[in-house]
C-alpha atoms as a PDB file:
ATOM      1  CA  UNK A   1       2.238  -3.079  25.193  1.00  0.00           C
ATOM      2  CA  UNK A   2      -0.758  -0.858  24.581  1.00  0.00           C
ATOM      3  CA  UNK A   3      -3.176  -1.479  21.721  1.00  0.00           C
ATOM      4  CA  UNK A   4      -2.270   1.761  19.894  1.00  0.00           C
ATOM      5  CA  UNK A   5       1.434   0.923  20.024  1.00  0.00           C
ATOM      6  CA  UNK A   6       0.774  -2.549  18.639  1.00  0.00           C
ATOM      7  CA  UNK A   7      -1.331  -1.124  15.822  1.00  0.00           C
ATOM      8  CA  UNK A   8       1.356   1.456  15.015  1.00  0.00           C
ATOM      9  CA  UNK A   9       4.061  -1.228  14.897  1.00  0.00           C
ATOM     10  CA  UNK A  10       1.862  -3.414  12.703  1.00  0.00           C
ATOM     11  CA  UNK A  11       1.091  -0.539  10.316  1.00  0.00           C
ATOM     12  CA  UNK A  12       4.792   0.347   9.989  1.00  0.00           C
ATOM     13  CA  UNK A  13       5.615  -3.299   9.287  1.00  0.00           C
ATOM     14  CA  UNK A  14       2.871  -3.423   6.652  1.00  0.00           C
ATOM     15  CA  UNK A  15       4.397  -0.368   4.939  1.00  0.00           C
ATOM     16  CA  UNK A  16       7.777  -2.121   4.859  1.00  0.00           C
ATOM     17  CA  UNK A  17       6.105  -5.182   3.327  1.00  0.00           C
ATOM     18  CA  UNK A  18       4.534  -2.885   0.701  1.00  0.00           C
ATOM     19  CA  UNK A  19       7.961  -1.989  -0.686  1.00  0.00           C
ATOM     20  CA  UNK A  20       9.733  -3.592  -3.618  1.00  0.00           C
ATOM     21  CA  UNK A  21      13.424  -2.625  -3.697  1.00  0.00           C
ATOM     22  CA  UNK A  22      12.743   0.237  -1.295  1.00  0.00           C
ATOM     23  CA  UNK A  23       9.805   1.674  -3.265  1.00  0.00           C
ATOM     24  CA  UNK A  24       6.117   1.306  -2.404  1.00  0.00           C
ATOM     25  CA  UNK A  25       4.379  -0.416  -5.318  1.00  0.00           C
ATOM     26  CA  UNK A  26       0.725  -0.933  -6.078  1.00  0.00           C
ATOM     27  CA  UNK A  27       1.244  -4.685  -6.470  1.00  0.00           C
ATOM     28  CA  UNK A  28       2.866  -5.026  -3.035  1.00  0.00           C
ATOM     29  CA  UNK A  29       0.154  -2.920  -1.383  1.00  0.00           C
ATOM     30  CA  UNK A  30      -2.430  -5.207  -3.001  1.00  0.00           C
ATOM     31  CA  UNK A  31      -0.668  -8.254  -1.567  1.00  0.00           C
ATOM     32  CA  UNK A  32      -0.577  -6.700   1.898  1.00  0.00           C
ATOM     33  CA  UNK A  33      -4.271  -5.797   1.732  1.00  0.00           C
ATOM     34  CA  UNK A  34      -5.150  -9.317   0.559  1.00  0.00           C
ATOM     35  CA  UNK A  35      -3.221 -10.739   3.504  1.00  0.00           C
ATOM     36  CA  UNK A  36      -4.981  -8.380   5.906  1.00  0.00           C
ATOM     37  CA  UNK A  37      -8.344  -9.435   4.501  1.00  0.00           C
ATOM     38  CA  UNK A  38      -7.562 -13.064   5.296  1.00  0.00           C
ATOM     39  CA  UNK A  39      -6.398 -12.350   8.856  1.00  0.00           C
ATOM     40  CA  UNK A  40      -9.223  -9.990   9.928  1.00  0.00           C
ATOM     41  CA  UNK A  41      -7.533  -8.226  12.838  1.00  0.00           C
ATOM     42  CA  UNK A  42      -9.844  -7.395  15.730  1.00  0.00           C
ATOM     43  CA  UNK A  43      -9.344  -3.659  15.193  1.00  0.00           C
ATOM     44  CA  UNK A  44      -9.145  -3.914  11.406  1.00  0.00           C
ATOM     45  CA  UNK A  45     -10.518  -0.440  10.670  1.00  0.00           C
ATOM     46  CA  UNK A  46      -7.984   1.227  12.980  1.00  0.00           C
ATOM     47  CA  UNK A  47      -5.184  -0.865  11.477  1.00  0.00           C
ATOM     48  CA  UNK A  48      -6.236   0.131   7.948  1.00  0.00           C
ATOM     49  CA  UNK A  49      -6.462   3.839   8.826  1.00  0.00           C
ATOM     50  CA  UNK A  50      -3.048   3.776  10.492  1.00  0.00           C
ATOM     51  CA  UNK A  51      -1.572   1.832   7.561  1.00  0.00           C
ATOM     52  CA  UNK A  52      -3.025   4.392   5.121  1.00  0.00           C
ATOM     53  CA  UNK A  53      -1.494   7.275   7.079  1.00  0.00           C
ATOM     54  CA  UNK A  54       1.973   5.717   7.104  1.00  0.00           C
ATOM     55  CA  UNK A  55       1.609   4.670   3.459  1.00  0.00           C
ATOM     56  CA  UNK A  56       0.781   8.246   2.420  1.00  0.00           C
ATOM     57  CA  UNK A  57       3.805   9.512   4.347  1.00  0.00           C
ATOM     58  CA  UNK A  58       6.090   6.967   2.694  1.00  0.00           C
ATOM     59  CA  UNK A  59       4.802   7.808  -0.787  1.00  0.00           C
ATOM     60  CA  UNK A  60       5.340  11.526  -0.086  1.00  0.00           C
ATOM     61  CA  UNK A  61       8.927  10.759   0.946  1.00  0.00           C
ATOM     62  CA  UNK A  62       9.639   9.047  -2.352  1.00  0.00           C
ATOM     63  CA  UNK A  63       7.972  11.687  -4.552  1.00  0.00           C
ATOM     64  CA  UNK A  64       9.409  15.068  -5.523  1.00  0.00           C
ATOM     65  CA  UNK A  65       6.542  17.403  -6.417  1.00  0.00           C
ATOM     66  CA  UNK A  66       8.066  19.999  -8.744  1.00  0.00           C
ATOM     67  CA  UNK A  67       6.011  23.191  -9.007  1.00  0.00           C
ATOM     68  CA  UNK A  68       6.807  25.411 -11.980  1.00  0.00           C
ATOM     69  CA  UNK A  69       5.026  28.225 -13.826  1.00  0.00           C
ATOM     70  CA  UNK A  70       5.437  26.269 -17.089  1.00  0.00           C
ATOM     71  CA  UNK A  71       6.321  22.822 -18.379  1.00  0.00           C
ATOM     72  CA  UNK A  72       9.645  21.097 -17.696  1.00  0.00           C
ATOM     73  CA  UNK A  73      11.515  18.870 -20.108  1.00  0.00           C
ATOM     74  CA  UNK A  74      11.911  15.162 -19.465  1.00  0.00           C
ATOM     75  CA  UNK A  75      15.662  15.684 -19.071  1.00  0.00           C
ATOM     76  CA  UNK A  76      15.080  18.267 -16.332  1.00  0.00           C
ATOM     77  CA  UNK A  77      12.747  15.882 -14.485  1.00  0.00           C
ATOM     78  CA  UNK A  78      15.293  13.056 -14.734  1.00  0.00           C
ATOM     79  CA  UNK A  79      17.992  15.397 -13.369  1.00  0.00           C
ATOM     80  CA  UNK A  80      15.725  16.332 -10.453  1.00  0.00           C
ATOM     81  CA  UNK A  81      15.015  12.657  -9.735  1.00  0.00           C
ATOM     82  CA  UNK A  82      18.730  11.843  -9.788  1.00  0.00           C
ATOM     83  CA  UNK A  83      19.659  14.810  -7.587  1.00  0.00           C
ATOM     84  CA  UNK A  84      17.065  14.104  -4.907  1.00  0.00           C
ATOM     85  CA  UNK A  85      17.614  10.331  -5.006  1.00  0.00           C
ATOM     86  CA  UNK A  86      21.305  10.932  -4.306  1.00  0.00           C
ATOM     87  CA  UNK A  87      20.526  13.556  -1.657  1.00  0.00           C
ATOM     88  CA  UNK A  88      18.128  11.326   0.285  1.00  0.00           C
ATOM     89  CA  UNK A  89      19.804   7.994  -0.427  1.00  0.00           C
ATOM     90  CA  UNK A  90      16.571   6.406  -1.667  1.00  0.00           C
ATOM     91  CA  UNK A  91      14.646   6.336  -4.957  1.00  0.00           C
ATOM     92  CA  UNK A  92      12.718   9.567  -5.553  1.00  0.00           C
ATOM     93  CA  UNK A  93      10.409  10.057  -8.532  1.00  0.00           C
ATOM     94  CA  UNK A  94       9.499  13.512  -9.804  1.00  0.00           C
ATOM     95  CA  UNK A  95       6.036  14.733 -10.774  1.00  0.00           C
ATOM     96  CA  UNK A  96       5.231  18.208 -12.078  1.00  0.00           C
ATOM     97  CA  UNK A  97       2.586  20.592 -10.892  1.00  0.00           C
ATOM     98  CA  UNK A  98       1.872  23.881 -12.642  1.00  0.00           C
ATOM     99  CA  UNK A  99       1.833  26.940 -10.365  1.00  0.00           C
ATOM    100  CA  UNK A 100       1.601  30.289 -12.166  1.00  0.00           C
ATOM    101  CA  UNK A 101       2.084  32.206  -8.913  1.00  0.00           C
ATOM    102  CA  UNK A 102       5.800  31.329  -8.925  1.00  0.00           C
ATOM    103  CA  UNK A 103       6.573  33.830 -11.762  1.00  0.00           C
ATOM    104  CA  UNK A 104       9.795  31.936 -12.641  1.00  0.00           C
ATOM    105  CA  UNK A 105      11.965  29.195 -11.136  1.00  0.00           C
ATOM    106  CA  UNK A 106      10.905  26.028  -9.338  1.00  0.00           C
ATOM    107  CA  UNK A 107       9.739  24.815  -5.943  1.00  0.00           C
ATOM    108  CA  UNK A 108      10.361  21.174  -5.034  1.00  0.00           C
ATOM    109  CA  UNK A 109       8.625  19.370  -2.177  1.00  0.00           C
ATOM    110  CA  UNK A 110       9.834  15.979  -0.939  1.00  0.00           C
ATOM    111  CA  UNK A 111       7.803  14.874   2.066  1.00  0.00           C
ATOM    112  CA  UNK A 112       7.930  17.816   4.486  1.00  0.00           C
ATOM    113  CA  UNK A 113      11.043  19.366   2.901  1.00  0.00           C
ATOM    114  CA  UNK A 114      10.545  22.311   0.542  1.00  0.00           C
ATOM    115  CA  UNK A 115      13.299  23.648  -1.714  1.00  0.00           C
ATOM    116  CA  UNK A 116      12.297  27.014  -3.171  1.00  0.00           C
ATOM    117  CA  UNK A 117      14.275  28.460  -6.072  1.00  0.00           C
ATOM    118  CA  UNK A 118      11.474  30.614  -7.431  1.00  0.00           C
ATOM    119  CA  UNK A 119      11.289  34.358  -7.982  1.00  0.00           C
ATOM    120  CA  UNK A 120       8.157  34.511  -5.819  1.00  0.00           C
ATOM    121  CA  UNK A 121      10.013  32.750  -2.994  1.00  0.00           C
ATOM    122  CA  UNK A 122      12.970  35.145  -3.234  1.00  0.00           C
ATOM    123  CA  UNK A 123      10.643  38.161  -3.188  1.00  0.00           C
ATOM    124  CA  UNK A 124       8.808  36.787  -0.160  1.00  0.00           C
ATOM    125  CA  UNK A 125      12.068  36.244   1.740  1.00  0.00           C
ATOM    126  CA  UNK A 126      13.211  39.780   0.843  1.00  0.00           C
ATOM    127  CA  UNK A 127       9.925  41.214   2.107  1.00  0.00           C
ATOM    128  CA  UNK A 128      10.288  39.293   5.387  1.00  0.00           C
ATOM    129  CA  UNK A 129      13.846  40.577   5.868  1.00  0.00           C
ATOM    130  CA  UNK A 130      12.819  44.197   5.302  1.00  0.00           C
ATOM    131  CA  UNK A 131      10.227  44.119   8.100  1.00  0.00           C
END
């Protein structure tokens, strides 16, 4: 097996070890990093960079970034978390991000998936259909 494939497999395994009940936690990542420090892999910098890339991807998959022109209530955020957790079959936490360009409505991003229910998004799709 090639070196890059071994490093990729190791990094993916390290991400799995960084999870507690299916969710990446800071404590578990700390344990994994402490273990890596003790082992000192020959290509430790490459392993760490690959691990970081997969870790960022995993965190993005378990986070719903909710963009709104204003603030959302805690109940609305809990409903979003519940909806997307059920949709994806894994725990998803919601964080808000203010975006005044949306006019009204919301845009939710989970990993690479974007769900746009904003007025700006509807207007953009209408403009694209008219062309």
